């Protein structure tokens, strides 16, 4: 891989990140305001903890790949 290809990739990634931040900052603020209107601080904390637990129990990428490429012989 050439240095110019690596540089092009990094420049594209940086540009995409910048554009994303510029476009979504206001939307993220609106979403946070709407959530704050509908949920109390305690409810938000409970929701965050629930999501963290689900994340811990989520299958890894390797688990998913194993399931996708499992042969019929493995299933028996």
N, C-alpha and C. Protein backbone atom coordinates (compact mmCIF):
# COMPACT_ATOMS: atom_id res chain seq x y z
N UNK A 1 0.85 -1.16 0.00
CA UNK A 1 0.00 0.00 0.00
C UNK A 1 0.90 1.24 0.00
N UNK A 2 0.60 2.17 -0.86
CA UNK A 2 1.40 3.38 -1.00
C UNK A 2 1.04 4.39 0.07
N UNK A 3 1.99 5.24 0.38
CA UNK A 3 1.77 6.30 1.36
C UNK A 3 0.65 7.24 0.91
N UNK A 4 0.56 7.48 -0.40
CA UNK A 4 -0.48 8.38 -0.91
C UNK A 4 -1.87 7.79 -0.68
N UNK A 5 -1.98 6.47 -0.78
CA UNK A 5 -3.27 5.82 -0.53
C UNK A 5 -3.66 5.93 0.93
N UNK A 6 -2.70 5.76 1.81
CA UNK A 6 -2.97 5.88 3.24
C UNK A 6 -3.37 7.32 3.56
N UNK A 7 -2.65 8.28 3.00
CA UNK A 7 -2.97 9.68 3.23
C UNK A 7 -4.37 10.01 2.72
N UNK A 8 -4.73 9.50 1.54
CA UNK A 8 -6.05 9.75 0.98
C UNK A 8 -7.13 9.17 1.88
N UNK A 9 -6.90 7.99 2.40
CA UNK A 9 -7.87 7.37 3.30
C UNK A 9 -8.04 8.21 4.56
N UNK A 10 -6.93 8.62 5.18
CA UNK A 10 -7.01 9.41 6.41
C UNK A 10 -7.66 10.77 6.17
N UNK A 11 -7.37 11.38 5.04
CA UNK A 11 -7.99 12.66 4.71
C UNK A 11 -9.49 12.50 4.52
N UNK A 12 -9.89 11.44 3.87
CA UNK A 12 -11.32 11.17 3.68
C UNK A 12 -12.03 10.91 4.99
N UNK A 13 -11.38 10.14 5.86
CA UNK A 13 -11.97 9.85 7.17
C UNK A 13 -12.10 11.13 7.99
N UNK A 14 -11.10 11.98 7.94
CA UNK A 14 -11.16 13.25 8.69
C UNK A 14 -12.26 14.15 8.14
N UNK A 15 -12.37 14.22 6.83
CA UNK A 15 -13.42 15.04 6.22
C UNK A 15 -14.80 14.52 6.57
N UNK A 16 -14.98 13.21 6.52
CA UNK A 16 -16.27 12.63 6.87
C UNK A 16 -16.63 12.89 8.32
N UNK A 17 -15.66 12.80 9.20
CA UNK A 17 -15.90 13.07 10.61
C UNK A 17 -16.31 14.52 10.82
N UNK A 18 -15.61 15.43 10.19
CA UNK A 18 -15.94 16.85 10.31
C UNK A 18 -17.32 17.17 9.80
N UNK A 19 -17.66 16.63 8.64
CA UNK A 19 -18.98 16.87 8.06
C UNK A 19 -20.07 16.29 8.96
N UNK A 20 -19.83 15.11 9.50
CA UNK A 20 -20.80 14.48 10.38
C UNK A 20 -21.04 15.33 11.62
N UNK A 21 -19.97 15.82 12.22
CA UNK A 21 -20.12 16.65 13.42
C UNK A 21 -20.86 17.94 13.11
N UNK A 22 -20.57 18.53 11.97
CA UNK A 22 -21.26 19.77 11.60
C UNK A 22 -22.75 19.54 11.36
N UNK A 23 -23.08 18.43 10.76
CA UNK A 23 -24.48 18.16 10.39
C UNK A 23 -25.31 17.63 11.56
N UNK A 24 -24.71 16.91 12.47
CA UNK A 24 -25.50 16.24 13.50
C UNK A 24 -25.49 16.95 14.85
N UNK A 25 -24.69 17.95 15.03
CA UNK A 25 -24.61 18.60 16.33
C UNK A 25 -25.97 19.15 16.76
N UNK A 26 -26.63 19.87 15.90
CA UNK A 26 -27.93 20.45 16.23
C UNK A 26 -28.97 19.36 16.47
N UNK A 27 -28.95 18.33 15.63
CA UNK A 27 -29.91 17.25 15.79
C UNK A 27 -29.70 16.53 17.11
N UNK A 28 -28.44 16.30 17.48
CA UNK A 28 -28.14 15.64 18.75
C UNK A 28 -28.63 16.47 19.92
N UNK A 29 -28.47 17.78 19.82
CA UNK A 29 -28.94 18.67 20.89
C UNK A 29 -30.45 18.59 21.03
N UNK A 30 -31.17 18.57 19.90
CA UNK A 30 -32.63 18.47 19.93
C UNK A 30 -33.08 17.14 20.54
N UNK A 31 -32.39 16.08 20.18
CA UNK A 31 -32.74 14.76 20.72
C UNK A 31 -32.53 14.74 22.23
N UNK A 32 -31.40 15.28 22.69
CA UNK A 32 -31.14 15.33 24.13
C UNK A 32 -32.20 16.15 24.85
N UNK A 33 -32.63 17.27 24.27
CA UNK A 33 -33.67 18.09 24.88
C UNK A 33 -34.99 17.34 24.96
N UNK A 34 -35.35 16.61 23.91
CA UNK A 34 -36.60 15.86 23.91
C UNK A 34 -36.58 14.74 24.94
N UNK A 35 -35.45 14.06 25.05
CA UNK A 35 -35.32 13.00 26.05
C UNK A 35 -35.44 13.59 27.44
N UNK A 36 -34.79 14.73 27.67
CA UNK A 36 -34.82 15.37 28.99
C UNK A 36 -36.23 15.81 29.35
N UNK A 37 -37.02 16.20 28.37
CA UNK A 37 -38.41 16.60 28.64
C UNK A 37 -39.26 15.42 29.06
N UNK A 38 -39.01 14.25 28.47
CA UNK A 38 -39.86 13.09 28.68
C UNK A 38 -39.41 12.18 29.82
N UNK A 39 -38.14 12.23 30.20
CA UNK A 39 -37.63 11.32 31.22
C UNK A 39 -36.93 12.10 32.33
N UNK A 40 -37.06 11.59 33.54
CA UNK A 40 -36.33 12.19 34.65
C UNK A 40 -34.87 11.72 34.61
N UNK A 41 -34.03 12.34 35.40
CA UNK A 41 -32.61 11.97 35.47
C UNK A 41 -32.47 10.51 35.89
N UNK A 42 -33.29 10.08 36.86
CA UNK A 42 -33.22 8.69 37.33
C UNK A 42 -33.62 7.70 36.23
N UNK A 43 -34.66 8.06 35.47
CA UNK A 43 -35.09 7.18 34.37
C UNK A 43 -34.03 7.08 33.29
N UNK A 44 -33.37 8.19 33.01
CA UNK A 44 -32.29 8.18 32.02
C UNK A 44 -31.14 7.30 32.50
N UNK A 45 -30.79 7.43 33.79
CA UNK A 45 -29.71 6.61 34.35
C UNK A 45 -30.06 5.13 34.28
N UNK A 46 -31.31 4.77 34.58
CA UNK A 46 -31.74 3.37 34.50
C UNK A 46 -31.65 2.85 33.07
N UNK A 47 -32.07 3.68 32.13
CA UNK A 47 -32.00 3.30 30.71
C UNK A 47 -30.57 3.08 30.28
N UNK A 48 -29.66 3.95 30.70
CA UNK A 48 -28.25 3.81 30.35
C UNK A 48 -27.69 2.52 30.94
N UNK A 49 -28.01 2.22 32.18
CA UNK A 49 -27.53 0.98 32.81
C UNK A 49 -28.08 -0.25 32.08
N UNK A 50 -29.34 -0.19 31.69
CA UNK A 50 -29.95 -1.30 30.96
C UNK A 50 -29.22 -1.52 29.62
N UNK A 51 -28.92 -0.43 28.93
CA UNK A 51 -28.21 -0.54 27.65
C UNK A 51 -26.79 -1.09 27.85
N UNK A 52 -26.13 -0.69 28.93
CA UNK A 52 -24.79 -1.21 29.22
C UNK A 52 -24.84 -2.71 29.46
N UNK A 53 -25.85 -3.19 30.19
CA UNK A 53 -25.98 -4.62 30.45
C UNK A 53 -26.24 -5.39 29.16
N UNK A 54 -27.09 -4.83 28.30
CA UNK A 54 -27.36 -5.49 27.03
C UNK A 54 -26.11 -5.54 26.17
N UNK A 55 -25.31 -4.50 26.23
CA UNK A 55 -24.07 -4.48 25.45
C UNK A 55 -23.10 -5.55 25.93
N UNK A 56 -23.02 -5.73 27.26
CA UNK A 56 -22.13 -6.75 27.81
C UNK A 56 -22.55 -8.14 27.38
N UNK A 57 -23.85 -8.36 27.24
CA UNK A 57 -24.38 -9.67 26.89
C UNK A 57 -24.50 -9.89 25.38
N UNK A 58 -24.21 -8.87 24.61
CA UNK A 58 -24.32 -8.98 23.16
C UNK A 58 -23.25 -9.91 22.61
N UNK A 59 -23.58 -10.66 21.56
CA UNK A 59 -22.56 -11.54 20.98
C UNK A 59 -21.44 -10.72 20.34
N UNK A 60 -20.27 -11.30 20.34
CA UNK A 60 -19.13 -10.63 19.71
C UNK A 60 -19.19 -10.85 18.21
N UNK A 61 -18.36 -10.14 17.50
CA UNK A 61 -18.30 -10.30 16.05
C UNK A 61 -17.87 -11.73 15.70
N UNK A 62 -16.97 -12.28 16.48
CA UNK A 62 -16.50 -13.64 16.24
C UNK A 62 -17.64 -14.64 16.43
N UNK A 63 -18.49 -14.43 17.44
CA UNK A 63 -19.63 -15.32 17.67
C UNK A 63 -20.58 -15.29 16.47
N UNK A 64 -20.81 -14.10 15.95
CA UNK A 64 -21.71 -13.96 14.80
C UNK A 64 -21.13 -14.66 13.59
N UNK A 65 -19.83 -14.48 13.35
CA UNK A 65 -19.19 -15.13 12.21
C UNK A 65 -19.25 -16.65 12.36
N UNK A 66 -19.03 -17.15 13.57
CA UNK A 66 -19.11 -18.59 13.80
C UNK A 66 -20.50 -19.12 13.46
N UNK A 67 -21.54 -18.37 13.85
CA UNK A 67 -22.90 -18.79 13.56
C UNK A 67 -23.20 -18.74 12.06
N UNK A 68 -22.66 -17.74 11.39
CA UNK A 68 -22.91 -17.61 9.95
C UNK A 68 -22.27 -18.72 9.14
N UNK A 69 -21.08 -19.13 9.57
CA UNK A 69 -20.33 -20.11 8.79
C UNK A 69 -20.40 -21.52 9.37
N UNK A 70 -21.33 -21.72 10.27
CA UNK A 70 -21.50 -23.05 10.85
C UNK A 70 -22.06 -23.99 9.77
N UNK A 71 -21.46 -25.17 9.67
CA UNK A 71 -21.91 -26.12 8.65
C UNK A 71 -23.06 -26.94 9.19
N UNK A 72 -23.74 -27.65 8.30
CA UNK A 72 -24.85 -28.49 8.72
C UNK A 72 -24.40 -29.58 9.67
N UNK A 73 -23.19 -30.10 9.49
CA UNK A 73 -22.67 -31.13 10.36
C UNK A 73 -22.49 -30.60 11.80
N UNK A 74 -22.11 -29.33 11.92
CA UNK A 74 -21.93 -28.72 13.23
C UNK A 74 -23.23 -28.57 13.98
N UNK A 75 -24.34 -28.41 13.24
CA UNK A 75 -25.64 -28.18 13.85
C UNK A 75 -26.23 -29.43 14.48
N UNK A 76 -25.78 -30.59 14.06
CA UNK A 76 -26.34 -31.85 14.55
C UNK A 76 -25.75 -32.30 15.83
